[in-house]
N, C-alpha and C. Protein backbone atom coordinates (compact mmCIF):
# COMPACT_ATOMS: atom_id res chain seq x y z
N MET A 1 98.06 103.85 111.42
CA MET A 1 99.05 103.35 110.01
C MET A 1 98.04 102.47 109.23
N ILE A 2 98.08 102.76 108.06
CA ILE A 2 97.22 101.93 107.01
C ILE A 2 98.05 100.88 106.46
N ALA A 3 97.62 99.79 106.61
CA ALA A 3 98.60 98.58 105.85
C ALA A 3 98.05 98.47 104.42
N LEU A 4 98.85 98.59 103.44
CA LEU A 4 98.48 98.27 102.33
C LEU A 4 98.70 96.98 101.72
N ASN A 5 97.78 96.22 101.20
CA ASN A 5 98.02 94.92 100.75
C ASN A 5 98.25 95.19 99.18
N SER A 6 99.48 94.76 99.13
CA SER A 6 100.04 94.88 97.42
C SER A 6 100.01 93.50 97.00
N PRO A 7 99.46 93.19 95.61
CA PRO A 7 99.42 91.76 95.21
C PRO A 7 100.95 91.30 94.94
N THR A 8 101.33 90.21 95.07
CA THR A 8 102.31 89.67 94.57
C THR A 8 102.54 89.74 93.25
N VAL A 9 103.68 90.12 92.75
CA VAL A 9 103.97 90.15 91.31
C VAL A 9 105.03 88.99 90.89
N PRO A 10 104.90 88.16 90.05
CA PRO A 10 105.65 87.35 89.65
C PRO A 10 107.11 88.09 89.00
N ILE A 11 108.19 87.21 89.20
CA ILE A 11 109.47 87.73 88.68
C ILE A 11 109.74 87.09 87.37
N PRO A 12 109.94 87.87 86.33
CA PRO A 12 110.20 87.04 85.14
C PRO A 12 111.51 86.25 85.16
N ASP A 13 111.55 85.24 84.20
CA ASP A 13 112.72 84.24 84.33
C ASP A 13 114.21 85.13 84.07
N SER A 14 114.09 85.89 82.80
CA SER A 14 115.28 86.79 82.64
C SER A 14 115.69 87.55 84.01
N VAL A 15 114.67 88.22 84.66
CA VAL A 15 115.32 89.14 85.84
C VAL A 15 115.82 88.09 86.96
N ALA A 16 115.19 87.09 87.16
CA ALA A 16 115.53 85.74 88.09
C ALA A 16 116.87 85.37 87.55
N GLY A 17 117.29 85.24 86.46
CA GLY A 17 118.45 84.80 86.04
C GLY A 17 119.60 85.89 86.28
N LEU A 18 119.18 87.12 86.08
CA LEU A 18 120.09 88.11 86.31
C LEU A 18 120.60 88.21 87.93
N ILE A 19 119.56 87.96 88.67
CA ILE A 19 119.59 88.19 90.14
C ILE A 19 120.66 86.90 90.45
N GLY A 20 120.10 85.61 89.83
CA GLY A 20 121.24 84.64 90.17
C GLY A 20 122.33 84.62 89.73
N ALA A 21 122.77 85.49 88.66
CA ALA A 21 124.06 85.57 88.16
C ALA A 21 125.05 86.33 89.13
N CYS A 22 124.36 86.94 90.16
CA CYS A 22 125.17 87.95 91.11
C CYS A 22 125.28 87.46 92.25
N MET A 23 124.73 86.06 92.51
CA MET A 23 124.94 85.31 93.79
C MET A 23 125.79 84.15 93.67
N PRO A 24 126.52 83.80 94.53
CA PRO A 24 127.61 82.62 94.64
C PRO A 24 126.70 81.21 93.94
N THR A 25 127.21 80.35 93.59
CA THR A 25 126.38 79.11 93.25
C THR A 25 126.24 78.16 94.43
N ALA A 26 126.92 78.39 95.64
CA ALA A 26 126.77 77.61 96.69
C ALA A 26 125.33 78.32 97.26
N VAL A 27 125.26 79.61 97.32
CA VAL A 27 123.98 80.13 97.92
C VAL A 27 122.90 79.83 96.98
N LEU A 28 122.73 79.90 95.56
CA LEU A 28 121.81 79.52 94.68
C LEU A 28 121.30 77.99 95.15
N GLN A 29 122.30 77.00 95.24
CA GLN A 29 122.09 75.74 95.34
C GLN A 29 121.26 75.54 96.87
N ALA A 30 121.88 76.28 97.82
CA ALA A 30 121.09 76.22 99.14
C ALA A 30 119.82 76.59 98.91
N GLU A 31 119.42 77.69 98.37
CA GLU A 31 117.94 78.28 98.38
C GLU A 31 116.96 76.96 97.72
N VAL A 32 117.56 76.52 96.62
CA VAL A 32 116.61 75.57 95.86
C VAL A 32 116.64 74.40 96.81
N ASP A 33 117.63 73.98 97.73
CA ASP A 33 117.58 72.81 98.50
C ASP A 33 116.74 73.30 99.70
N ALA A 34 116.64 74.46 100.11
CA ALA A 34 115.77 75.03 101.11
C ALA A 34 114.26 74.74 100.90
N VAL A 35 114.05 75.43 99.61
CA VAL A 35 112.44 75.23 99.20
C VAL A 35 112.17 74.16 99.05
N ASP A 36 113.04 73.02 98.47
CA ASP A 36 112.60 71.66 98.36
C ASP A 36 112.13 70.95 99.63
N ALA A 37 113.10 71.30 100.75
CA ALA A 37 112.99 70.78 102.02
C ALA A 37 111.73 71.21 102.84
N ALA A 38 111.37 72.53 102.69
CA ALA A 38 110.40 73.21 103.11
C ALA A 38 108.84 72.71 102.49
N ILE A 39 108.96 72.23 101.14
CA ILE A 39 107.76 71.92 100.58
C ILE A 39 107.74 70.33 101.23
N THR A 40 108.66 69.38 101.47
CA THR A 40 108.54 68.30 101.88
C THR A 40 108.16 68.26 103.34
N VAL A 41 108.68 69.26 104.24
CA VAL A 41 108.07 69.47 105.57
C VAL A 41 106.52 69.69 105.51
N SER A 42 106.17 70.54 104.79
CA SER A 42 104.73 70.84 104.61
C SER A 42 103.87 69.63 104.15
N ARG A 43 104.41 68.84 103.57
CA ARG A 43 103.63 67.62 102.92
C ARG A 43 103.60 66.58 104.03
N CYS A 44 104.69 66.34 105.01
CA CYS A 44 104.80 65.23 105.83
C CYS A 44 104.13 65.59 107.23
N ARG A 45 102.96 65.54 107.18
CA ARG A 45 102.04 65.95 108.55
C ARG A 45 101.51 64.70 109.30
N THR A 46 101.63 63.52 108.65
CA THR A 46 101.17 62.48 109.57
C THR A 46 102.25 61.85 110.19
N PRO A 47 101.76 60.80 111.42
CA PRO A 47 102.88 60.17 112.38
C PRO A 47 103.71 59.36 111.43
N PHE A 48 103.08 58.73 110.05
CA PHE A 48 103.97 57.93 109.47
C PHE A 48 104.97 58.21 108.61
N THR A 49 104.99 59.64 108.68
CA THR A 49 106.13 60.43 107.81
C THR A 49 107.00 61.22 108.94
N ARG A 50 107.05 61.05 110.11
CA ARG A 50 107.61 61.83 111.04
C ARG A 50 109.24 61.77 110.58
N GLU A 51 109.79 60.74 110.28
CA GLU A 51 110.98 60.53 110.20
C GLU A 51 111.83 61.53 108.70
N ALA A 52 110.71 61.36 107.77
CA ALA A 52 110.87 62.21 106.48
C ALA A 52 111.02 63.66 106.92
N ARG A 53 110.03 64.07 107.76
CA ARG A 53 109.64 65.25 108.20
C ARG A 53 111.06 66.02 109.08
N GLU A 54 111.51 65.00 109.94
CA GLU A 54 112.51 65.53 110.74
C GLU A 54 113.83 65.71 109.83
N LEU A 55 114.04 64.73 108.64
CA LEU A 55 115.10 64.85 107.79
C LEU A 55 114.97 65.92 107.11
N ALA A 56 114.02 66.41 106.69
CA ALA A 56 113.51 67.58 105.86
C ALA A 56 113.85 68.92 106.73
N LEU A 57 113.59 68.87 108.10
CA LEU A 57 113.90 69.96 108.90
C LEU A 57 115.11 70.15 109.09
N SER A 58 115.84 68.88 109.27
CA SER A 58 117.43 69.26 109.33
C SER A 58 118.24 69.74 108.06
N GLU A 59 117.79 69.46 106.87
CA GLU A 59 118.00 69.91 105.74
C GLU A 59 117.73 71.37 105.74
N LEU A 60 116.56 71.77 105.92
CA LEU A 60 116.05 73.08 106.09
C LEU A 60 117.15 74.14 106.88
N ALA A 61 117.32 73.33 107.97
CA ALA A 61 118.34 74.16 108.98
C ALA A 61 119.35 74.54 108.44
N LEU A 62 120.11 73.50 107.84
CA LEU A 62 121.38 73.53 107.17
C LEU A 62 121.60 74.49 106.05
N ASN A 63 120.38 74.39 105.21
CA ASN A 63 120.83 75.32 104.15
C ASN A 63 120.21 76.68 104.30
N ASN A 64 119.38 76.97 105.58
CA ASN A 64 119.06 78.36 106.29
C ASN A 64 120.22 78.95 106.64
N LYS A 65 121.38 78.10 107.26
CA LYS A 65 122.66 78.85 107.79
C LYS A 65 123.21 79.27 106.68
N ILE A 66 123.40 78.63 105.49
CA ILE A 66 124.15 79.18 104.52
C ILE A 66 123.33 80.54 103.82
N LEU A 67 122.26 80.32 103.82
CA LEU A 67 121.49 81.66 103.22
C LEU A 67 121.43 82.75 104.11
N ALA A 68 121.52 82.43 105.63
CA ALA A 68 121.44 83.57 106.40
C ALA A 68 123.02 84.13 106.27
N ALA A 69 123.80 83.43 106.16
CA ALA A 69 125.50 83.92 106.14
C ALA A 69 125.47 84.99 105.14
N TYR A 70 125.05 84.64 103.84
CA TYR A 70 125.04 85.47 102.95
C TYR A 70 124.04 86.64 103.05
N ASN A 71 122.79 86.45 103.12
CA ASN A 71 121.63 87.46 103.41
C ASN A 71 120.45 86.98 104.48
N PRO A 72 120.42 87.56 105.46
CA PRO A 72 119.37 87.06 106.59
C PRO A 72 118.03 87.09 106.09
N ARG A 73 117.62 88.03 105.11
CA ARG A 73 116.29 88.10 104.21
C ARG A 73 115.99 86.70 103.50
N LEU A 74 117.15 85.82 103.17
CA LEU A 74 116.76 84.94 102.29
C LEU A 74 116.24 83.72 103.00
N ILE A 75 116.08 83.53 104.18
CA ILE A 75 115.84 82.45 105.23
C ILE A 75 114.39 81.96 104.68
N VAL A 76 114.34 80.61 104.30
CA VAL A 76 113.21 79.99 103.84
C VAL A 76 112.47 79.39 105.08
N THR A 77 111.18 79.54 105.16
CA THR A 77 110.40 79.10 106.26
C THR A 77 109.61 77.74 105.88
N SER A 78 109.18 76.86 106.80
CA SER A 78 108.37 75.70 106.40
C SER A 78 106.94 76.04 105.99
N ARG A 79 106.66 77.17 106.68
CA ARG A 79 105.22 77.65 106.24
C ARG A 79 105.37 78.15 105.03
N GLY A 80 106.00 78.94 104.36
CA GLY A 80 105.88 79.94 103.20
C GLY A 80 106.18 79.20 101.83
N ALA A 81 106.54 77.90 101.84
CA ALA A 81 107.17 77.29 100.60
C ALA A 81 105.90 76.42 100.12
N ALA A 82 104.93 75.93 100.56
CA ALA A 82 103.88 75.31 100.10
C ALA A 82 102.86 76.04 99.11
């Protein structure tokens, strides 16, 4: 099997708006909050920011539950947001 590495193509804002119009507002808000939490998790790597990291991980888990209930492929990981 040959794996093809296709480059990532950015989605235009108008297309993202059309996609967002088809989704419930709670799911869109959960996606935004999950990405923000994942970015916070990736930034909090020192022992001094352990509490902030744990809080961000709990927010990420909560928002991922909402996203997974709507579509399991929407789950945000802490590695993929930075």
